[in-house]
Amino acid sequence: MNPALLFSLLKRLIGVGLLVLNYLSYGLMIKLAADPSLLAIERIIYPTLIWLIGWVFVIVGIYLAGPELVAKMKGFFVNLKNKIINKNDDK
């Protein structure tokens, strides 16, 4: 296999992985914000730090995944959202 192609695929895979990690970080933020064993200031600071790291994941993930792959993912989610909205309008 061509090393340039392999590098490109690996780069895109890492980019998509970072985008997925960003979405998973929201669950961790909610868990930390609702954790009663943490102090009040910790329940604010930790989710905020995770939110900032999530934005780094998004920016680096988009850069690595490539704009055409991100556009395809966006189109997929827009179509999915439209299908869900149309189902709710039919009821």
PDB file of N, CA and C in Angstrom:
ATOM      1  N   MET A   1       0.848  -1.178   0.000  1.00  0.00           N
ATOM      2  CA  MET A   1       0.000   0.000   0.000  1.00  0.00           C
ATOM      3  C   MET A   1       0.892   1.239   0.000  1.00  0.00           C
ATOM      4  N   ASN A   2       0.414   2.250  -0.641  1.00  0.00           N
ATOM      5  CA  ASN A   2       1.138   3.513  -0.745  1.00  0.00           C
ATOM      6  C   ASN A   2       1.251   4.171   0.642  1.00  0.00           C
ATOM      7  N   PRO A   3       2.464   4.537   1.074  1.00  0.00           N
ATOM      8  CA  PRO A   3       2.611   5.161   2.403  1.00  0.00           C
ATOM      9  C   PRO A   3       1.858   6.486   2.531  1.00  0.00           C
ATOM     10  N   ALA A   4       1.766   7.251   1.466  1.00  0.00           N
ATOM     11  CA  ALA A   4       1.038   8.523   1.535  1.00  0.00           C
ATOM     12  C   ALA A   4      -0.452   8.276   1.767  1.00  0.00           C
ATOM     13  N   LEU A   5      -1.003   7.263   1.114  1.00  0.00           N
ATOM     14  CA  LEU A   5      -2.412   6.927   1.296  1.00  0.00           C
ATOM     15  C   LEU A   5      -2.662   6.412   2.708  1.00  0.00           C
ATOM     16  N   LEU A   6      -1.761   5.570   3.192  1.00  0.00           N
ATOM     17  CA  LEU A   6      -1.890   5.053   4.541  1.00  0.00           C
ATOM     18  C   LEU A   6      -1.832   6.180   5.571  1.00  0.00           C
ATOM     19  N   PHE A   7      -0.930   7.128   5.389  1.00  0.00           N
ATOM     20  CA  PHE A   7      -0.817   8.271   6.281  1.00  0.00           C
ATOM     21  C   PHE A   7      -2.086   9.120   6.241  1.00  0.00           C
ATOM     22  N   SER A   8      -2.627   9.326   5.055  1.00  0.00           N
ATOM     23  CA  SER A   8      -3.849  10.112   4.906  1.00  0.00           C
ATOM     24  C   SER A   8      -5.021   9.431   5.612  1.00  0.00           C
ATOM     25  N   LEU A   9      -5.161   8.126   5.447  1.00  0.00           N
ATOM     26  CA  LEU A   9      -6.243   7.401   6.111  1.00  0.00           C
ATOM     27  C   LEU A   9      -6.085   7.415   7.628  1.00  0.00           C
ATOM     28  N   LEU A  10      -4.851   7.257   8.093  1.00  0.00           N
ATOM     29  CA  LEU A  10      -4.600   7.293   9.530  1.00  0.00           C
ATOM     30  C   LEU A  10      -4.902   8.672  10.105  1.00  0.00           C
ATOM     31  N   LYS A  11      -4.522   9.708   9.374  1.00  0.00           N
ATOM     32  CA  LYS A  11      -4.789  11.079   9.806  1.00  0.00           C
ATOM     33  C   LYS A  11      -6.287  11.328   9.906  1.00  0.00           C
ATOM     34  N   ARG A  12      -7.034  10.858   8.927  1.00  0.00           N
ATOM     35  CA  ARG A  12      -8.496  11.040   8.957  1.00  0.00           C
ATOM     36  C   ARG A  12      -9.138  10.239  10.074  1.00  0.00           C
ATOM     37  N   LEU A  13      -8.637   9.038  10.309  1.00  0.00           N
ATOM     38  CA  LEU A  13      -9.172   8.211  11.379  1.00  0.00           C
ATOM     39  C   LEU A  13      -8.946   8.874  12.737  1.00  0.00           C
ATOM     40  N   ILE A  14      -7.773   9.434  12.955  1.00  0.00           N
ATOM     41  CA  ILE A  14      -7.492  10.147  14.202  1.00  0.00           C
ATOM     42  C   ILE A  14      -8.405  11.369  14.319  1.00  0.00           C
ATOM     43  N   GLY A  15      -8.618  12.081  13.215  1.00  0.00           N
ATOM     44  CA  GLY A  15      -9.495  13.248  13.230  1.00  0.00           C
ATOM     45  C   GLY A  15     -10.920  12.889  13.597  1.00  0.00           C
ATOM     46  N   VAL A  16     -11.437  11.825  13.017  1.00  0.00           N
ATOM     47  CA  VAL A  16     -12.802  11.384  13.344  1.00  0.00           C
ATOM     48  C   VAL A  16     -12.861  10.918  14.798  1.00  0.00           C
ATOM     49  N   GLY A  17     -11.810  10.251  15.260  1.00  0.00           N
ATOM     50  CA  GLY A  17     -11.763   9.834  16.658  1.00  0.00           C
ATOM     51  C   GLY A  17     -11.813  11.023  17.608  1.00  0.00           C
ATOM     52  N   LEU A  18     -11.125  12.086  17.275  1.00  0.00           N
ATOM     53  CA  LEU A  18     -11.162  13.288  18.111  1.00  0.00           C
ATOM     54  C   LEU A  18     -12.547  13.926  18.107  1.00  0.00           C
ATOM     55  N   LEU A  19     -13.215  13.905  16.966  1.00  0.00           N
ATOM     56  CA  LEU A  19     -14.578  14.448  16.913  1.00  0.00           C
ATOM     57  C   LEU A  19     -15.533  13.618  17.765  1.00  0.00           C
ATOM     58  N   VAL A  20     -15.364  12.303  17.748  1.00  0.00           N
ATOM     59  CA  VAL A  20     -16.203  11.438  18.585  1.00  0.00           C
ATOM     60  C   VAL A  20     -15.908  11.689  20.062  1.00  0.00           C
ATOM     61  N   LEU A  21     -14.638  11.854  20.401  1.00  0.00           N
ATOM     62  CA  LEU A  21     -14.281  12.154  21.793  1.00  0.00           C
ATOM     63  C   LEU A  21     -14.916  13.458  22.264  1.00  0.00           C
ATOM     64  N   ASN A  22     -15.034  14.423  21.373  1.00  0.00           N
ATOM     65  CA  ASN A  22     -15.687  15.669  21.746  1.00  0.00           C
ATOM     66  C   ASN A  22     -17.131  15.415  22.165  1.00  0.00           C
ATOM     67  N   TYR A  23     -17.856  14.613  21.394  1.00  0.00           N
ATOM     68  CA  TYR A  23     -19.247  14.332  21.746  1.00  0.00           C
ATOM     69  C   TYR A  23     -19.343  13.538  23.045  1.00  0.00           C
ATOM     70  N   LEU A  24     -18.408  12.632  23.282  1.00  0.00           N
ATOM     71  CA  LEU A  24     -18.428  11.855  24.519  1.00  0.00           C
ATOM     72  C   LEU A  24     -18.086  12.709  25.735  1.00  0.00           C
ATOM     73  N   SER A  25     -17.365  13.793  25.513  1.00  0.00           N
ATOM     74  CA  SER A  25     -16.968  14.633  26.643  1.00  0.00           C
ATOM     75  C   SER A  25     -18.169  15.322  27.291  1.00  0.00           C
ATOM     76  N   TYR A  26     -19.268  15.499  26.566  1.00  0.00           N
ATOM     77  CA  TYR A  26     -20.437  16.146  27.152  1.00  0.00           C
ATOM     78  C   TYR A  26     -21.034  15.305  28.279  1.00  0.00           C
ATOM     79  N   GLY A  27     -21.035  14.000  28.111  1.00  0.00           N
ATOM     80  CA  GLY A  27     -21.522  13.127  29.171  1.00  0.00           C
ATOM     81  C   GLY A  27     -20.655  13.222  30.421  1.00  0.00           C
ATOM     82  N   LEU A  28     -19.345  13.302  30.222  1.00  0.00           N
ATOM     83  CA  LEU A  28     -18.433  13.448  31.353  1.00  0.00           C
ATOM     84  C   LEU A  28     -18.635  14.791  32.048  1.00  0.00           C
ATOM     85  N   MET A  29     -18.902  15.839  31.277  1.00  0.00           N
ATOM     86  CA  MET A  29     -19.161  17.150  31.888  1.00  0.00           C
ATOM     87  C   MET A  29     -20.397  17.098  32.776  1.00  0.00           C
ATOM     88  N   ILE A  30     -21.447  16.458  32.308  1.00  0.00           N
ATOM     89  CA  ILE A  30     -22.682  16.359  33.087  1.00  0.00           C
ATOM     90  C   ILE A  30     -22.452  15.539  34.353  1.00  0.00           C
ATOM     91  N   LYS A  31     -21.704  14.441  34.210  1.00  0.00           N
ATOM     92  CA  LYS A  31     -21.413  13.605  35.370  1.00  0.00           C
ATOM     93  C   LYS A  31     -20.646  14.390  36.428  1.00  0.00           C
ATOM     94  N   LEU A  32     -19.638  15.142  36.016  1.00  0.00           N
ATOM     95  CA  LEU A  32     -18.861  15.916  36.975  1.00  0.00           C
ATOM     96  C   LEU A  32     -19.676  17.051  37.593  1.00  0.00           C
ATOM     97  N   ALA A  33     -20.509  17.682  36.806  1.00  0.00           N
ATOM     98  CA  ALA A  33     -21.318  18.787  37.332  1.00  0.00           C
ATOM     99  C   ALA A  33     -22.341  18.302  38.355  1.00  0.00           C
ATOM    100  N   ALA A  34     -22.757  17.052  38.243  1.00  0.00           N
ATOM    101  CA  ALA A  34     -23.765  16.521  39.159  1.00  0.00           C
ATOM    102  C   ALA A  34     -23.160  15.698  40.294  1.00  0.00           C
ATOM    103  N   ASP A  35     -21.846  15.582  40.359  1.00  0.00           N
ATOM    104  CA  ASP A  35     -21.185  14.761  41.369  1.00  0.00           C
ATOM    105  C   ASP A  35     -21.217  15.463  42.733  1.00  0.00           C
ATOM    106  N   PRO A  36     -21.939  14.906  43.709  1.00  0.00           N
ATOM    107  CA  PRO A  36     -22.050  15.583  45.007  1.00  0.00           C
ATOM    108  C   PRO A  36     -20.773  15.502  45.851  1.00  0.00           C
ATOM    109  N   SER A  37     -19.850  14.620  45.484  1.00  0.00           N
ATOM    110  CA  SER A  37     -18.630  14.506  46.279  1.00  0.00           C
ATOM    111  C   SER A  37     -17.621  15.616  45.974  1.00  0.00           C
ATOM    112  N   LEU A  38     -17.867  16.380  44.919  1.00  0.00           N
ATOM    113  CA  LEU A  38     -16.979  17.490  44.567  1.00  0.00           C
ATOM    114  C   LEU A  38     -17.456  18.785  45.220  1.00  0.00           C
ATOM    115  N   LEU A  39     -16.524  19.668  45.451  1.00  0.00           N
ATOM    116  CA  LEU A  39     -16.884  20.999  45.942  1.00  0.00           C
ATOM    117  C   LEU A  39     -17.612  21.762  44.837  1.00  0.00           C
ATOM    118  N   ALA A  40     -18.319  22.810  45.217  1.00  0.00           N
ATOM    119  CA  ALA A  40     -19.085  23.585  44.237  1.00  0.00           C
ATOM    120  C   ALA A  40     -18.172  24.179  43.168  1.00  0.00           C
ATOM    121  N   ILE A  41     -17.023  24.697  43.558  1.00  0.00           N
ATOM    122  CA  ILE A  41     -16.119  25.305  42.585  1.00  0.00           C
ATOM    123  C   ILE A  41     -15.529  24.242  41.655  1.00  0.00           C
ATOM    124  N   GLU A  42     -15.305  23.029  42.185  1.00  0.00           N
ATOM    125  CA  GLU A  42     -14.802  21.942  41.344  1.00  0.00           C
ATOM    126  C   GLU A  42     -15.839  21.512  40.321  1.00  0.00           C
ATOM    127  N   ARG A  43     -17.120  21.563  40.715  1.00  0.00           N
ATOM    128  CA  ARG A  43     -18.189  21.194  39.779  1.00  0.00           C
ATOM    129  C   ARG A  43     -18.347  22.218  38.669  1.00  0.00           C
ATOM    130  N   ILE A  44     -17.753  23.376  38.834  1.00  0.00           N
ATOM    131  CA  ILE A  44     -17.761  24.391  37.773  1.00  0.00           C
ATOM    132  C   ILE A  44     -16.475  24.314  36.958  1.00  0.00           C
ATOM    133  N   ILE A  45     -15.347  24.192  37.630  1.00  0.00           N
ATOM    134  CA  ILE A  45     -14.053  24.245  36.952  1.00  0.00           C
ATOM    135  C   ILE A  45     -13.814  23.018  36.073  1.00  0.00           C
ATOM    136  N   TYR A  46     -14.055  21.815  36.612  1.00  0.00           N
ATOM    137  CA  TYR A  46     -13.756  20.600  35.848  1.00  0.00           C
ATOM    138  C   TYR A  46     -14.571  20.499  34.555  1.00  0.00           C
ATOM    139  N   PRO A  47     -15.887  20.698  34.578  1.00  0.00           N
ATOM    140  CA  PRO A  47     -16.622  20.667  33.307  1.00  0.00           C
ATOM    141  C   PRO A  47     -16.185  21.764  32.335  1.00  0.00           C
ATOM    142  N   THR A  48     -15.799  22.932  32.871  1.00  0.00           N
ATOM    143  CA  THR A  48     -15.331  24.003  31.993  1.00  0.00           C
ATOM    144  C   THR A  48     -14.033  23.612  31.303  1.00  0.00           C
ATOM    145  N   LEU A  49     -13.130  22.989  32.041  1.00  0.00           N
ATOM    146  CA  LEU A  49     -11.876  22.530  31.433  1.00  0.00           C
ATOM    147  C   LEU A  49     -12.130  21.455  30.383  1.00  0.00           C
ATOM    148  N   ILE A  50     -13.047  20.548  30.667  1.00  0.00           N
ATOM    149  CA  ILE A  50     -13.383  19.512  29.689  1.00  0.00           C
ATOM    150  C   ILE A  50     -14.028  20.131  28.459  1.00  0.00           C
ATOM    151  N   TRP A  51     -14.838  21.150  28.651  1.00  0.00           N
ATOM    152  CA  TRP A  51     -15.458  21.846  27.518  1.00  0.00           C
ATOM    153  C   TRP A  51     -14.386  22.490  26.634  1.00  0.00           C
ATOM    154  N   LEU A  52     -13.401  23.122  27.253  1.00  0.00           N
ATOM    155  CA  LEU A  52     -12.314  23.740  26.488  1.00  0.00           C
ATOM    156  C   LEU A  52     -11.494  22.685  25.747  1.00  0.00           C
ATOM    157  N   ILE A  53     -11.204  21.584  26.401  1.00  0.00           N
ATOM    158  CA  ILE A  53     -10.467  20.497  25.743  1.00  0.00           C
ATOM    159  C   ILE A  53     -11.298  19.924  24.598  1.00  0.00           C
ATOM    160  N   GLY A  54     -12.617  19.858  24.787  1.00  0.00           N
ATOM    161  CA  GLY A  54     -13.496  19.386  23.712  1.00  0.00           C
ATOM    162  C   GLY A  54     -13.403  20.273  22.481  1.00  0.00           C
ATOM    163  N   TRP A  55     -13.286  21.588  22.680  1.00  0.00           N
ATOM    164  CA  TRP A  55     -13.141  22.485  21.536  1.00  0.00           C
ATOM    165  C   TRP A  55     -11.806  22.279  20.835  1.00  0.00           C
ATOM    166  N   VAL A  56     -10.772  21.975  21.594  1.00  0.00           N
ATOM    167  CA  VAL A  56      -9.482  21.643  20.969  1.00  0.00           C
ATOM    168  C   VAL A  56      -9.639  20.377  20.135  1.00  0.00           C
ATOM    169  N   PHE A  57     -10.361  19.372  20.668  1.00  0.00           N
ATOM    170  CA  PHE A  57     -10.622  18.155  19.908  1.00  0.00           C
ATOM    171  C   PHE A  57     -11.361  18.457  18.607  1.00  0.00           C
ATOM    172  N   VAL A  58     -12.341  19.351  18.663  1.00  0.00           N
ATOM    173  CA  VAL A  58     -13.109  19.689  17.457  1.00  0.00           C
ATOM    174  C   VAL A  58     -12.211  20.343  16.415  1.00  0.00           C
ATOM    175  N   ILE A  59     -11.433  21.316  16.819  1.00  0.00           N
ATOM    176  CA  ILE A  59     -10.600  22.048  15.870  1.00  0.00           C
ATOM    177  C   ILE A  59      -9.545  21.136  15.251  1.00  0.00           C
ATOM    178  N   VAL A  60      -8.856  20.368  16.085  1.00  0.00           N
ATOM    179  CA  VAL A  60      -7.827  19.462  15.577  1.00  0.00           C
ATOM    180  C   VAL A  60      -8.480  18.341  14.763  1.00  0.00           C
ATOM    181  N   GLY A  61      -9.627  17.848  15.218  1.00  0.00           N
ATOM    182  CA  GLY A  61     -10.324  16.790  14.492  1.00  0.00           C
ATOM    183  C   GLY A  61     -10.769  17.223  13.107  1.00  0.00           C
ATOM    184  N   ILE A  62     -11.289  18.440  12.997  1.00  0.00           N
ATOM    185  CA  ILE A  62     -11.693  18.948  11.678  1.00  0.00           C
ATOM    186  C   ILE A  62     -10.480  19.116  10.786  1.00  0.00           C
ATOM    187  N   TYR A  63      -9.387  19.609  11.349  1.00  0.00           N
ATOM    188  CA  TYR A  63      -8.166  19.781  10.562  1.00  0.00           C
ATOM    189  C   TYR A  63      -7.647  18.432  10.060  1.00  0.00           C
ATOM    190  N   LEU A  64      -7.642  17.431  10.926  1.00  0.00           N
ATOM    191  CA  LEU A  64      -7.116  16.126  10.531  1.00  0.00           C
ATOM    192  C   LEU A  64      -8.074  15.345   9.642  1.00  0.00           C
ATOM    193  N   ALA A  65      -9.365  15.435   9.913  1.00  0.00           N
ATOM    194  CA  ALA A  65     -10.341  14.667   9.139  1.00  0.00           C
ATOM    195  C   ALA A  65     -10.516  15.223   7.734  1.00  0.00           C
ATOM    196  N   GLY A  66     -10.264  16.492   7.562  1.00  0.00           N
ATOM    197  CA  GLY A  66     -10.420  17.099   6.244  1.00  0.00           C
ATOM    198  C   GLY A  66     -11.805  17.680   6.082  1.00  0.00           C
ATOM    199  N   PRO A  67     -11.897  18.791   5.394  1.00  0.00           N
ATOM    200  CA  PRO A  67     -13.195  19.472   5.272  1.00  0.00           C
ATOM    201  C   PRO A  67     -14.240  18.671   4.502  1.00  0.00           C
ATOM    202  N   GLU A  68     -13.827  17.860   3.530  1.00  0.00           N
ATOM    203  CA  GLU A  68     -14.830  17.109   2.756  1.00  0.00           C
ATOM    204  C   GLU A  68     -15.469  16.016   3.605  1.00  0.00           C
ATOM    205  N   LEU A  69     -14.708  15.392   4.490  1.00  0.00           N
ATOM    206  CA  LEU A  69     -15.271  14.376   5.365  1.00  0.00           C
ATOM    207  C   LEU A  69     -16.220  15.008   6.380  1.00  0.00           C
ATOM    208  N   VAL A  70     -15.851  16.152   6.903  1.00  0.00           N
ATOM    209  CA  VAL A  70     -16.715  16.854   7.852  1.00  0.00           C
ATOM    210  C   VAL A  70     -18.010  17.296   7.167  1.00  0.00           C
ATOM    211  N   ALA A  71     -17.927  17.736   5.914  1.00  0.00           N
ATOM    212  CA  ALA A  71     -19.125  18.135   5.174  1.00  0.00           C
ATOM    213  C   ALA A  71     -20.058  16.942   4.956  1.00  0.00           C
ATOM    214  N   LYS A  72     -19.484  15.762   4.681  1.00  0.00           N
ATOM    215  CA  LYS A  72     -20.310  14.561   4.522  1.00  0.00           C
ATOM    216  C   LYS A  72     -20.999  14.192   5.834  1.00  0.00           C
ATOM    217  N   MET A  73     -20.255  14.288   6.947  1.00  0.00           N
ATOM    218  CA  MET A  73     -20.843  13.982   8.257  1.00  0.00           C
ATOM    219  C   MET A  73     -21.953  14.968   8.583  1.00  0.00           C
ATOM    220  N   LYS A  74     -21.745  16.245   8.281  1.00  0.00           N
ATOM    221  CA  LYS A  74     -22.760  17.265   8.539  1.00  0.00           C
ATOM    222  C   LYS A  74     -24.006  16.988   7.708  1.00  0.00           C
ATOM    223  N   GLY A  75     -23.819  16.632   6.435  1.00  0.00           N
ATOM    224  CA  GLY A  75     -24.953  16.307   5.573  1.00  0.00           C
ATOM    225  C   GLY A  75     -25.739  15.114   6.090  1.00  0.00           C
ATOM    226  N   PHE A  76     -25.031  14.108   6.599  1.00  0.00           N
ATOM    227  CA  PHE A  76     -25.692  12.931   7.155  1.00  0.00           C
ATOM    228  C   PHE A  76     -26.558  13.311   8.346  1.00  0.00           C
ATOM    229  N   PHE A  77     -26.013  14.131   9.262  1.00  0.00           N
ATOM    230  CA  PHE A  77     -26.778  14.504  10.446  1.00  0.00           C
ATOM    231  C   PHE A  77     -27.930  15.449  10.113  1.00  0.00           C
ATOM    232  N   VAL A  78     -27.777  16.287   9.107  1.00  0.00           N
ATOM    233  CA  VAL A  78     -28.875  17.153   8.684  1.00  0.00           C
ATOM    234  C   VAL A  78     -30.008  16.304   8.111  1.00  0.00           C
ATOM    235  N   ASN A  79     -29.670  15.306   7.284  1.00  0.00           N
ATOM    236  CA  ASN A  79     -30.696  14.412   6.737  1.00  0.00           C
ATOM    237  C   ASN A  79     -31.393  13.637   7.849  1.00  0.00           C
ATOM    238  N   LEU A  80     -30.620  13.167   8.815  1.00  0.00           N
ATOM    239  CA  LEU A  80     -31.204  12.433   9.942  1.00  0.00           C
ATOM    240  C   LEU A  80     -32.140  13.327  10.740  1.00  0.00           C
ATOM    241  N   LYS A  81     -31.718  14.560  10.992  1.00  0.00           N
ATOM    242  CA  LYS A  81     -32.558  15.507  11.734  1.00  0.00           C
ATOM    243  C   LYS A  81     -33.847  15.791  10.974  1.00  0.00           C
ATOM    244  N   ASN A  82     -33.758  15.971   9.656  1.00  0.00           N
ATOM    245  CA  ASN A  82     -34.950  16.240   8.857  1.00  0.00           C
ATOM    246  C   ASN A  82     -35.914  15.064   8.876  1.00  0.00           C
ATOM    247  N   LYS A  83     -35.386  13.832   8.866  1.00  0.00           N
ATOM    248  CA  LYS A  83     -36.255  12.659   8.940  1.00  0.00           C
ATOM    249  C   LYS A  83     -36.969  12.599  10.282  1.00  0.00           C
ATOM    250  N   ILE A  84     -36.255  12.916  11.353  1.00  0.00           N
ATOM    251  CA  ILE A  84     -36.861  12.886  12.684  1.00  0.00           C
ATOM    252  C   ILE A  84     -37.926  13.960  12.811  1.00  0.00           C
ATOM    253  N   ILE A  85     -37.645  15.151  12.314  1.00  0.00           N
ATOM    254  CA  ILE A  85     -38.615  16.246  12.384  1.00  0.00           C
ATOM    255  C   ILE A  85     -39.850  15.922  11.555  1.00  0.00           C
ATOM    256  N   ASN A  86     -39.664  15.348  10.370  1.00  0.00           N
ATOM    257  CA  ASN A  86     -40.806  15.001   9.518  1.00  0.00           C
ATOM    258  C   ASN A  86     -41.658  13.909  10.156  1.00  0.00           C
ATOM    259  N   LYS A  87     -41.053  12.971  10.899  1.00  0.00           N
ATOM    260  CA  LYS A  87     -41.833  11.953  11.592  1.00  0.00           C
ATOM    261  C   LYS A  87     -42.689  12.581  12.671  1.00  0.00           C
ATOM    262  N   ASN A  88     -42.138  13.545  13.393  1.00  0.00           N
ATOM    263  CA  ASN A  88     -42.884  14.193  14.450  1.00  0.00           C
ATOM    264  C   ASN A  88     -44.009  15.068  13.902  1.00  0.00           C
ATOM    265  N   ASP A  89     -43.852  15.629  12.703  1.00  0.00           N
ATOM    266  CA  ASP A  89     -44.888  16.456  12.102  1.00  0.00           C
ATOM    267  C   ASP A  89     -46.059  15.614  11.611  1.00  0.00           C
ATOM    268  N   ASP A  90     -45.809  14.341  11.274  1.00  0.00           N
ATOM    269  CA  ASP A  90     -46.875  13.479  10.767  1.00  0.00           C
ATOM    270  C   ASP A  90     -47.850  13.057  11.861  1.00  0.00           C
ATOM    271  N   LYS A  91     -47.446  13.102  13.096  1.00  0.00           N
ATOM    272  CA  LYS A  91     -48.307  12.622  14.198  1.00  0.00           C
ATOM    273  C   LYS A  91     -49.350  13.624  14.568  1.00  0.00           C
TER     274      LYS A  91
END
